[in-house]
PDB file of N, CA and C in Angstrom:
ATOM      1  N   MET A   1     -17.713  21.521   7.656  1.00  0.00           N
ATOM      2  CA  MET A   1     -16.725  20.471   7.591  1.00  0.00           C
ATOM      3  C   MET A   1     -17.353  19.257   6.902  1.00  0.00           C
ATOM      4  N   GLU A   2     -16.579  18.658   6.006  1.00  0.00           N
ATOM      5  CA  GLU A   2     -17.053  17.524   5.229  1.00  0.00           C
ATOM      6  C   GLU A   2     -16.223  16.287   5.561  1.00  0.00           C
ATOM      7  N   ARG A   3     -16.884  15.122   5.538  1.00  0.00           N
ATOM      8  CA  ARG A   3     -16.186  13.845   5.704  1.00  0.00           C
ATOM      9  C   ARG A   3     -15.866  13.304   4.327  1.00  0.00           C
ATOM     10  N   VAL A   4     -14.589  13.012   4.087  1.00  0.00           N
ATOM     11  CA  VAL A   4     -14.148  12.585   2.765  1.00  0.00           C
ATOM     12  C   VAL A   4     -13.520  11.191   2.852  1.00  0.00           C
ATOM     13  N   PRO A   5     -14.152  10.190   2.219  1.00  0.00           N
ATOM     14  CA  PRO A   5     -13.520   8.873   2.171  1.00  0.00           C
ATOM     15  C   PRO A   5     -12.432   8.855   1.099  1.00  0.00           C
ATOM     16  N   CYS A   6     -11.337   8.174   1.378  1.00  0.00           N
ATOM     17  CA  CYS A   6     -10.232   8.092   0.424  1.00  0.00           C
ATOM     18  C   CYS A   6      -9.585   6.716   0.568  1.00  0.00           C
ATOM     19  N   LYS A   7      -9.337   6.076  -0.565  1.00  0.00           N
ATOM     20  CA  LYS A   7      -8.731   4.743  -0.567  1.00  0.00           C
ATOM     21  C   LYS A   7      -7.353   4.814  -1.215  1.00  0.00           C
ATOM     22  N   LEU A   8      -6.333   4.326  -0.488  1.00  0.00           N
ATOM     23  CA  LEU A   8      -4.963   4.281  -0.978  1.00  0.00           C
ATOM     24  C   LEU A   8      -4.523   2.823  -1.048  1.00  0.00           C
ATOM     25  N   VAL A   9      -4.079   2.380  -2.218  1.00  0.00           N
ATOM     26  CA  VAL A   9      -3.603   1.010  -2.407  1.00  0.00           C
ATOM     27  C   VAL A   9      -2.106   1.056  -2.685  1.00  0.00           C
ATOM     28  N   VAL A  10      -1.342   0.280  -1.906  1.00  0.00           N
ATOM     29  CA  VAL A  10       0.107   0.211  -2.075  1.00  0.00           C
ATOM     30  C   VAL A  10       0.435  -1.022  -2.912  1.00  0.00           C
ATOM     31  N   VAL A  11       1.134  -0.804  -4.037  1.00  0.00           N
ATOM     32  CA  VAL A  11       1.524  -1.901  -4.921  1.00  0.00           C
ATOM     33  C   VAL A  11       3.024  -1.845  -5.179  1.00  0.00           C
ATOM     34  N   GLY A  12       3.554  -2.934  -5.665  1.00  0.00           N
ATOM     35  CA  GLY A  12       4.969  -3.021  -5.999  1.00  0.00           C
ATOM     36  C   GLY A  12       5.415  -4.463  -5.935  1.00  0.00           C
ATOM     37  N   SER A  13       6.585  -4.722  -6.435  1.00  0.00           N
ATOM     38  CA  SER A  13       7.127  -6.080  -6.447  1.00  0.00           C
ATOM     39  C   SER A  13       7.253  -6.624  -5.030  1.00  0.00           C
ATOM     40  N   GLY A  14       7.416  -7.939  -4.940  1.00  0.00           N
ATOM     41  CA  GLY A  14       7.591  -8.571  -3.639  1.00  0.00           C
ATOM     42  C   GLY A  14       8.862  -8.108  -2.953  1.00  0.00           C
ATOM     43  N   ASN A  15       8.807  -8.001  -1.649  1.00  0.00           N
ATOM     44  CA  ASN A  15       9.968  -7.674  -0.809  1.00  0.00           C
ATOM     45  C   ASN A  15      10.543  -6.280  -1.031  1.00  0.00           C
ATOM     46  N   VAL A  16       9.705  -5.326  -1.420  1.00  0.00           N
ATOM     47  CA  VAL A  16      10.202  -3.949  -1.548  1.00  0.00           C
ATOM     48  C   VAL A  16       9.909  -3.121  -0.298  1.00  0.00           C
ATOM     49  N   GLY A  17       9.104  -3.656   0.625  1.00  0.00           N
ATOM     50  CA  GLY A  17       8.846  -2.957   1.879  1.00  0.00           C
ATOM     51  C   GLY A  17       7.463  -2.356   2.024  1.00  0.00           C
ATOM     52  N   LYS A  18       6.498  -2.821   1.240  1.00  0.00           N
ATOM     53  CA  LYS A  18       5.138  -2.265   1.309  1.00  0.00           C
ATOM     54  C   LYS A  18       4.541  -2.433   2.702  1.00  0.00           C
ATOM     55  N   THR A  19       4.550  -3.657   3.196  1.00  0.00           N
ATOM     56  CA  THR A  19       3.969  -3.939   4.509  1.00  0.00           C
ATOM     57  C   THR A  19       4.756  -3.242   5.615  1.00  0.00           C
ATOM     58  N   SER A  20       6.074  -3.261   5.525  1.00  0.00           N
ATOM     59  CA  SER A  20       6.908  -2.608   6.547  1.00  0.00           C
ATOM     60  C   SER A  20       6.651  -1.109   6.595  1.00  0.00           C
ATOM     61  N   MET A  21       6.470  -0.487   5.426  1.00  0.00           N
ATOM     62  CA  MET A  21       6.192   0.949   5.389  1.00  0.00           C
ATOM     63  C   MET A  21       4.864   1.256   6.084  1.00  0.00           C
ATOM     64  N   LEU A  22       3.829   0.477   5.756  1.00  0.00           N
ATOM     65  CA  LEU A  22       2.524   0.708   6.376  1.00  0.00           C
ATOM     66  C   LEU A  22       2.561   0.406   7.869  1.00  0.00           C
ATOM     67  N   PHE A  23       3.262  -0.657   8.254  1.00  0.00           N
ATOM     68  CA  PHE A  23       3.399  -1.000   9.667  1.00  0.00           C
ATOM     69  C   PHE A  23       4.086   0.138  10.421  1.00  0.00           C
ATOM     70  N   THR A  24       5.174   0.652   9.870  1.00  0.00           N
ATOM     71  CA  THR A  24       5.913   1.741  10.510  1.00  0.00           C
ATOM     72  C   THR A  24       5.047   2.983  10.646  1.00  0.00           C
ATOM     73  N   TYR A  25       4.267   3.291   9.614  1.00  0.00           N
ATOM     74  CA  TYR A  25       3.372   4.445   9.671  1.00  0.00           C
ATOM     75  C   TYR A  25       2.305   4.250  10.749  1.00  0.00           C
ATOM     76  N   GLY A  26       1.713   3.065  10.780  1.00  0.00           N
ATOM     77  CA  GLY A  26       0.613   2.811  11.712  1.00  0.00           C
ATOM     78  C   GLY A  26       1.030   2.627  13.158  1.00  0.00           C
ATOM     79  N   TRP A  27       2.169   1.974  13.375  1.00  0.00           N
ATOM     80  CA  TRP A  27       2.590   1.644  14.733  1.00  0.00           C
ATOM     81  C   TRP A  27       3.740   2.499  15.243  1.00  0.00           C
ATOM     82  N   GLY A  28       4.353   3.269  14.363  1.00  0.00           N
ATOM     83  CA  GLY A  28       5.403   4.178  14.798  1.00  0.00           C
ATOM     84  C   GLY A  28       6.781   3.567  14.953  1.00  0.00           C
ATOM     85  N   HIS A  29       6.936   2.305  14.557  1.00  0.00           N
ATOM     86  CA  HIS A  29       8.257   1.677  14.595  1.00  0.00           C
ATOM     87  C   HIS A  29       8.338   0.601  13.519  1.00  0.00           C
ATOM     88  N   PHE A  30       9.559   0.325  13.093  1.00  0.00           N
ATOM     89  CA  PHE A  30       9.796  -0.673  12.052  1.00  0.00           C
ATOM     90  C   PHE A  30       9.596  -2.069  12.635  1.00  0.00           C
ATOM     91  N   PRO A  31       8.950  -2.985  11.903  1.00  0.00           N
ATOM     92  CA  PRO A  31       8.732  -4.340  12.432  1.00  0.00           C
ATOM     93  C   PRO A  31      10.053  -5.081  12.649  1.00  0.00           C
ATOM     94  N   LYS A  32      10.109  -5.848  13.724  1.00  0.00           N
ATOM     95  CA  LYS A  32      11.329  -6.581  14.056  1.00  0.00           C
ATOM     96  C   LYS A  32      11.478  -7.859  13.232  1.00  0.00           C
ATOM     97  N   GLU A  33      10.358  -8.400  12.753  1.00  0.00           N
ATOM     98  CA  GLU A  33      10.385  -9.638  11.982  1.00  0.00           C
ATOM     99  C   GLU A  33       9.725  -9.421  10.631  1.00  0.00           C
ATOM    100  N   TYR A  34      10.126 -10.231   9.648  1.00  0.00           N
ATOM    101  CA  TYR A  34       9.506 -10.192   8.328  1.00  0.00           C
ATOM    102  C   TYR A  34       8.058 -10.642   8.450  1.00  0.00           C
ATOM    103  N   MET A  35       7.143  -9.887   7.851  1.00  0.00           N
ATOM    104  CA  MET A  35       5.720 -10.192   7.939  1.00  0.00           C
ATOM    105  C   MET A  35       5.122 -10.284   6.535  1.00  0.00           C
ATOM    106  N   PRO A  36       5.147 -11.461   5.926  1.00  0.00           N
ATOM    107  CA  PRO A  36       4.571 -11.563   4.585  1.00  0.00           C
ATOM    108  C   PRO A  36       3.050 -11.519   4.654  1.00  0.00           C
ATOM    109  N   TYR A  37       2.452 -10.591   3.921  1.00  0.00           N
ATOM    110  CA  TYR A  37       1.002 -10.478   3.877  1.00  0.00           C
ATOM    111  C   TYR A  37       0.528 -10.658   2.451  1.00  0.00           C
ATOM    112  N   VAL A  38      -0.605 -11.297   2.317  1.00  0.00           N
ATOM    113  CA  VAL A  38      -1.256 -11.380   1.019  1.00  0.00           C
ATOM    114  C   VAL A  38      -2.061 -10.110   0.819  1.00  0.00           C
ATOM    115  N   PHE A  39      -2.727  -9.684   1.866  1.00  0.00           N
ATOM    116  CA  PHE A  39      -3.591  -8.521   1.777  1.00  0.00           C
ATOM    117  C   PHE A  39      -3.903  -8.053   3.185  1.00  0.00           C
ATOM    118  N   ASP A  40      -3.920  -6.768   3.372  1.00  0.00           N
ATOM    119  CA  ASP A  40      -4.293  -6.217   4.666  1.00  0.00           C
ATOM    120  C   ASP A  40      -4.822  -4.818   4.437  1.00  0.00           C
ATOM    121  N   MET A  41      -5.692  -4.374   5.321  1.00  0.00           N
ATOM    122  CA  MET A  41      -6.278  -3.046   5.190  1.00  0.00           C
ATOM    123  C   MET A  41      -6.421  -2.445   6.575  1.00  0.00           C
ATOM    124  N   SER A  42      -6.132  -1.165   6.685  1.00  0.00           N
ATOM    125  CA  SER A  42      -6.365  -0.445   7.932  1.00  0.00           C
ATOM    126  C   SER A  42      -6.895   0.936   7.588  1.00  0.00           C
ATOM    127  N   GLU A  43      -7.473   1.588   8.565  1.00  0.00           N
ATOM    128  CA  GLU A  43      -8.055   2.910   8.339  1.00  0.00           C
ATOM    129  C   GLU A  43      -7.491   3.911   9.333  1.00  0.00           C
ATOM    130  N   ILE A  44      -7.265   5.118   8.847  1.00  0.00           N
ATOM    131  CA  ILE A  44      -6.870   6.218   9.715  1.00  0.00           C
ATOM    132  C   ILE A  44      -7.756   7.413   9.388  1.00  0.00           C
ATOM    133  N   THR A  45      -7.947   8.264  10.364  1.00  0.00           N
ATOM    134  CA  THR A  45      -8.755   9.467  10.174  1.00  0.00           C
ATOM    135  C   THR A  45      -7.918  10.666  10.590  1.00  0.00           C
ATOM    136  N   PHE A  46      -7.949  11.701   9.756  1.00  0.00           N
ATOM    137  CA  PHE A  46      -7.225  12.924  10.074  1.00  0.00           C
ATOM    138  C   PHE A  46      -7.970  14.105   9.474  1.00  0.00           C
ATOM    139  N   THR A  47      -7.601  15.307   9.896  1.00  0.00           N
ATOM    140  CA  THR A  47      -8.234  16.527   9.408  1.00  0.00           C
ATOM    141  C   THR A  47      -7.280  17.244   8.463  1.00  0.00           C
ATOM    142  N   LEU A  48      -7.821  17.689   7.327  1.00  0.00           N
ATOM    143  CA  LEU A  48      -7.041  18.412   6.331  1.00  0.00           C
ATOM    144  C   LEU A  48      -7.902  19.535   5.779  1.00  0.00           C
ATOM    145  N   ASP A  49      -7.443  20.753   5.901  1.00  0.00           N
ATOM    146  CA  ASP A  49      -8.184  21.926   5.412  1.00  0.00           C
ATOM    147  C   ASP A  49      -9.621  21.956   5.929  1.00  0.00           C
ATOM    148  N   GLY A  50      -9.809  21.571   7.186  1.00  0.00           N
ATOM    149  CA  GLY A  50     -11.123  21.606   7.804  1.00  0.00           C
ATOM    150  C   GLY A  50     -12.008  20.417   7.490  1.00  0.00           C
ATOM    151  N   ASN A  51     -11.546  19.505   6.655  1.00  0.00           N
ATOM    152  CA  ASN A  51     -12.313  18.308   6.311  1.00  0.00           C
ATOM    153  C   ASN A  51     -11.754  17.098   7.047  1.00  0.00           C
ATOM    154  N   THR A  52     -12.634  16.176   7.402  1.00  0.00           N
ATOM    155  CA  THR A  52     -12.224  14.929   8.022  1.00  0.00           C
ATOM    156  C   THR A  52     -11.987  13.908   6.921  1.00  0.00           C
ATOM    157  N   ILE A  53     -10.773  13.387   6.849  1.00  0.00           N
ATOM    158  CA  ILE A  53     -10.403  12.416   5.828  1.00  0.00           C
ATOM    159  C   ILE A  53     -10.391  11.028   6.456  1.00  0.00           C
ATOM    160  N   ASP A  54     -11.197  10.124   5.914  1.00  0.00           N
ATOM    161  CA  ASP A  54     -11.194   8.723   6.316  1.00  0.00           C
ATOM    162  C   ASP A  54     -10.365   7.967   5.279  1.00  0.00           C
ATOM    163  N   LEU A  55      -9.107   7.700   5.612  1.00  0.00           N
ATOM    164  CA  LEU A  55      -8.176   7.100   4.670  1.00  0.00           C
ATOM    165  C   LEU A  55      -8.049   5.605   4.920  1.00  0.00           C
ATOM    166  N   SER A  56      -8.411   4.815   3.920  1.00  0.00           N
ATOM    167  CA  SER A  56      -8.231   3.366   3.967  1.00  0.00           C
ATOM    168  C   SER A  56      -6.901   3.033   3.316  1.00  0.00           C
ATOM    169  N   LEU A  57      -6.036   2.359   4.044  1.00  0.00           N
ATOM    170  CA  LEU A  57      -4.722   1.952   3.543  1.00  0.00           C
ATOM    171  C   LEU A  57      -4.772   0.467   3.207  1.00  0.00           C
ATOM    172  N   TRP A  58      -4.571   0.143   1.942  1.00  0.00           N
ATOM    173  CA  TRP A  58      -4.654  -1.242   1.475  1.00  0.00           C
ATOM    174  C   TRP A  58      -3.267  -1.739   1.092  1.00  0.00           C
ATOM    175  N   ASP A  59      -2.849  -2.818   1.717  1.00  0.00           N
ATOM    176  CA  ASP A  59      -1.574  -3.464   1.426  1.00  0.00           C
ATOM    177  C   ASP A  59      -1.844  -4.615   0.459  1.00  0.00           C
ATOM    178  N   THR A  60      -0.981  -4.799  -0.524  1.00  0.00           N
ATOM    179  CA  THR A  60      -1.146  -5.905  -1.467  1.00  0.00           C
ATOM    180  C   THR A  60       0.133  -6.727  -1.520  1.00  0.00           C
ATOM    181  N   CYS A  61       0.002  -7.953  -1.950  1.00  0.00           N
ATOM    182  CA  CYS A  61       1.150  -8.835  -2.100  1.00  0.00           C
ATOM    183  C   CYS A  61       1.716  -8.679  -3.505  1.00  0.00           C
ATOM    184  N   GLY A  62       3.021  -8.471  -3.606  1.00  0.00           N
ATOM    185  CA  GLY A  62       3.648  -8.268  -4.907  1.00  0.00           C
ATOM    186  C   GLY A  62       4.026  -9.550  -5.621  1.00  0.00           C
ATOM    187  N   SER A  63       3.881 -10.680  -4.948  1.00  0.00           N
ATOM    188  CA  SER A  63       4.252 -11.959  -5.536  1.00  0.00           C
ATOM    189  C   SER A  63       3.395 -12.277  -6.758  1.00  0.00           C
ATOM    190  N   GLU A  64       4.019 -12.888  -7.763  1.00  0.00           N
ATOM    191  CA  GLU A  64       3.289 -13.262  -8.974  1.00  0.00           C
ATOM    192  C   GLU A  64       2.187 -14.266  -8.681  1.00  0.00           C
ATOM    193  N   ASP A  65       2.294 -15.000  -7.574  1.00  0.00           N
ATOM    194  CA  ASP A  65       1.260 -15.965  -7.207  1.00  0.00           C
ATOM    195  C   ASP A  65      -0.091 -15.294  -6.991  1.00  0.00           C
ATOM    196  N   TYR A  66      -0.089 -13.991  -6.743  1.00  0.00           N
ATOM    197  CA  TYR A  66      -1.321 -13.271  -6.435  1.00  0.00           C
ATOM    198  C   TYR A  66      -1.722 -12.275  -7.518  1.00  0.00           C
ATOM    199  N   ASP A  67      -1.175 -12.448  -8.721  1.00  0.00           N
ATOM    200  CA  ASP A  67      -1.492 -11.526  -9.816  1.00  0.00           C
ATOM    201  C   ASP A  67      -2.986 -11.462 -10.118  1.00  0.00           C
ATOM    202  N   ARG A  68      -3.696 -12.561  -9.947  1.00  0.00           N
ATOM    203  CA  ARG A  68      -5.132 -12.566 -10.245  1.00  0.00           C
ATOM    204  C   ARG A  68      -5.961 -12.051  -9.074  1.00  0.00           C
ATOM    205  N   LEU A  69      -5.458 -12.192  -7.864  1.00  0.00           N
ATOM    206  CA  LEU A  69      -6.178 -11.756  -6.668  1.00  0.00           C
ATOM    207  C   LEU A  69      -6.013 -10.261  -6.407  1.00  0.00           C
ATOM    208  N   ARG A  70      -4.823  -9.745  -6.645  1.00  0.00           N
ATOM    209  CA  ARG A  70      -4.482  -8.357  -6.328  1.00  0.00           C
ATOM    210  C   ARG A  70      -5.455  -7.330  -6.907  1.00  0.00           C
ATOM    211  N   PRO A  71      -5.861  -7.447  -8.186  1.00  0.00           N
ATOM    212  CA  PRO A  71      -6.755  -6.429  -8.757  1.00  0.00           C
ATOM    213  C   PRO A  71      -8.110  -6.306  -8.059  1.00  0.00           C
ATOM    214  N   LEU A  72      -8.464  -7.275  -7.226  1.00  0.00           N
ATOM    215  CA  LEU A  72      -9.723  -7.172  -6.485  1.00  0.00           C
ATOM    216  C   LEU A  72      -9.699  -5.993  -5.513  1.00  0.00           C
ATOM    217  N   SER A  73      -8.517  -5.517  -5.158  1.00  0.00           N
ATOM    218  CA  SER A  73      -8.417  -4.369  -4.246  1.00  0.00           C
ATOM    219  C   SER A  73      -8.442  -3.038  -4.990  1.00  0.00           C
ATOM    220  N   TYR A  74      -8.433  -3.043  -6.317  1.00  0.00           N
ATOM    221  CA  TYR A  74      -8.320  -1.809  -7.091  1.00  0.00           C
ATOM    222  C   TYR A  74      -9.591  -0.973  -7.234  1.00  0.00           C
ATOM    223  N   PRO A  75     -10.788  -1.563  -7.307  1.00  0.00           N
ATOM    224  CA  PRO A  75     -11.977  -0.718  -7.524  1.00  0.00           C
ATOM    225  C   PRO A  75     -12.120   0.381  -6.472  1.00  0.00           C
ATOM    226  N   GLU A  76     -12.533   1.548  -6.924  1.00  0.00           N
ATOM    227  CA  GLU A  76     -12.794   2.726  -6.095  1.00  0.00           C
ATOM    228  C   GLU A  76     -11.539   3.288  -5.420  1.00  0.00           C
ATOM    229  N   THR A  77     -10.356   2.961  -5.953  1.00  0.00           N
ATOM    230  CA  THR A  77      -9.110   3.489  -5.403  1.00  0.00           C
ATOM    231  C   THR A  77      -8.922   4.933  -5.840  1.00  0.00           C
ATOM    232  N   ASN A  78      -8.582   5.792  -4.892  1.00  0.00           N
ATOM    233  CA  ASN A  78      -8.287   7.193  -5.179  1.00  0.00           C
ATOM    234  C   ASN A  78      -6.802   7.427  -5.423  1.00  0.00           C
ATOM    235  N   ILE A  79      -5.958   6.660  -4.717  1.00  0.00           N
ATOM    236  CA  ILE A  79      -4.509   6.849  -4.788  1.00  0.00           C
ATOM    237  C   ILE A  79      -3.823   5.488  -4.884  1.00  0.00           C
ATOM    238  N   PHE A  80      -2.940   5.348  -5.866  1.00  0.00           N
ATOM    239  CA  PHE A  80      -2.051   4.191  -5.931  1.00  0.00           C
ATOM    240  C   PHE A  80      -0.663   4.668  -5.537  1.00  0.00           C
ATOM    241  N   LEU A  81      -0.054   3.984  -4.590  1.00  0.00           N
ATOM    242  CA  LEU A  81       1.315   4.277  -4.187  1.00  0.00           C
ATOM    243  C   LEU A  81       2.172   3.111  -4.672  1.00  0.00           C
ATOM    244  N   VAL A  82       3.040   3.369  -5.646  1.00  0.00           N
ATOM    245  CA  VAL A  82       3.865   2.326  -6.250  1.00  0.00           C
ATOM    246  C   VAL A  82       5.258   2.374  -5.624  1.00  0.00           C
ATOM    247  N   LEU A  83       5.661   1.258  -5.011  1.00  0.00           N
ATOM    248  CA  LEU A  83       6.961   1.194  -4.344  1.00  0.00           C
ATOM    249  C   LEU A  83       7.935   0.316  -5.117  1.00  0.00           C
ATOM    250  N   PHE A  84       9.217   0.630  -4.973  1.00  0.00           N
ATOM    251  CA  PHE A  84      10.282  -0.224  -5.490  1.00  0.00           C
ATOM    252  C   PHE A  84      11.425  -0.176  -4.495  1.00  0.00           C
ATOM    253  N   SER A  85      12.336  -1.113  -4.636  1.00  0.00           N
ATOM    254  CA  SER A  85      13.499  -1.163  -3.756  1.00  0.00           C
ATOM    255  C   SER A  85      14.690  -0.519  -4.446  1.00  0.00           C
ATOM    256  N   VAL A  86      15.413   0.315  -3.734  1.00  0.00           N
ATOM    257  CA  VAL A  86      16.591   0.967  -4.310  1.00  0.00           C
ATOM    258  C   VAL A  86      17.732  -0.026  -4.537  1.00  0.00           C
ATOM    259  N   ILE A  87      17.619  -1.231  -3.997  1.00  0.00           N
ATOM    260  CA  ILE A  87      18.658  -2.242  -4.215  1.00  0.00           C
ATOM    261  C   ILE A  87      18.202  -3.325  -5.187  1.00  0.00           C
ATOM    262  N   SER A  88      17.056  -3.114  -5.843  1.00  0.00           N
ATOM    263  CA  SER A  88      16.552  -4.088  -6.810  1.00  0.00           C
ATOM    264  C   SER A  88      16.164  -3.388  -8.108  1.00  0.00           C
ATOM    265  N   GLN A  89      17.032  -3.481  -9.092  1.00  0.00           N
ATOM    266  CA  GLN A  89      16.733  -2.890 -10.400  1.00  0.00           C
ATOM    267  C   GLN A  89      15.464  -3.493 -10.982  1.00  0.00           C
ATOM    268  N   ASN A  90      15.253  -4.800 -10.758  1.00  0.00           N
ATOM    269  CA  ASN A  90      14.065  -5.470 -11.277  1.00  0.00           C
ATOM    270  C   ASN A  90      12.788  -4.846 -10.723  1.00  0.00           C
ATOM    271  N   SER A  91      12.779  -4.525  -9.434  1.00  0.00           N
ATOM    272  CA  SER A  91      11.573  -3.925  -8.851  1.00  0.00           C
ATOM    273  C   SER A  91      11.300  -2.553  -9.456  1.00  0.00           C
ATOM    274  N   PHE A  92      12.351  -1.830  -9.819  1.00  0.00           N
ATOM    275  CA  PHE A  92      12.189  -0.538 -10.489  1.00  0.00           C
ATOM    276  C   PHE A  92      11.681  -0.734 -11.917  1.00  0.00           C
ATOM    277  N   ASP A  93      12.254  -1.688 -12.639  1.00  0.00           N
ATOM    278  CA  ASP A  93      11.837  -1.957 -14.016  1.00  0.00           C
ATOM    279  C   ASP A  93      10.376  -2.396 -14.090  1.00  0.00           C
ATOM    280  N   GLU A  94       9.915  -3.127 -13.070  1.00  0.00           N
ATOM    281  CA  GLU A  94       8.535  -3.612 -13.071  1.00  0.00           C
ATOM    282  C   GLU A  94       7.512  -2.494 -12.888  1.00  0.00           C
ATOM    283  N   ILE A  95       7.946  -1.318 -12.470  1.00  0.00           N
ATOM    284  CA  ILE A  95       7.003  -0.205 -12.347  1.00  0.00           C
ATOM    285  C   ILE A  95       6.331   0.055 -13.682  1.00  0.00           C
ATOM    286  N   SER A  96       7.100   0.073 -14.751  1.00  0.00           N
ATOM    287  CA  SER A  96       6.511   0.360 -16.068  1.00  0.00           C
ATOM    288  C   SER A  96       5.982  -0.884 -16.763  1.00  0.00           C
ATOM    289  N   SER A  97       6.507  -2.057 -16.438  1.00  0.00           N
ATOM    290  CA  SER A  97       6.069  -3.260 -17.143  1.00  0.00           C
ATOM    291  C   SER A  97       4.945  -4.018 -16.438  1.00  0.00           C
ATOM    292  N   LYS A  98       4.796  -3.817 -15.147  1.00  0.00           N
ATOM    293  CA  LYS A  98       3.799  -4.593 -14.392  1.00  0.00           C
ATOM    294  C   LYS A  98       2.775  -3.720 -13.684  1.00  0.00           C
ATOM    295  N   TRP A  99       3.233  -2.657 -13.066  1.00  0.00           N
ATOM    296  CA  TRP A  99       2.328  -1.871 -12.239  1.00  0.00           C
ATOM    297  C   TRP A  99       1.761  -0.714 -13.016  1.00  0.00           C
TER     298      TRP A  99
END
């Protein structure tokens, strides 16, 4: 059995639900209040095909105010998860123009 570190960074426009998605995954329920985060990270460990996966989940702020800060979370990333809102065409368009 091998221990495998893996880093997942969630990106996307502001207010598309990045933090809420991670909160729901980690705590098992949707947050009752809006929680604006600039940056947050949590770790989970699970077994896959006999290997122990140490998964770091990195939340980023989609606001343009943090365009220069956000890339600091990118080095050594294994997986980028790009989110958009189904009720915001702009957030979908920014997938190809920004993210």
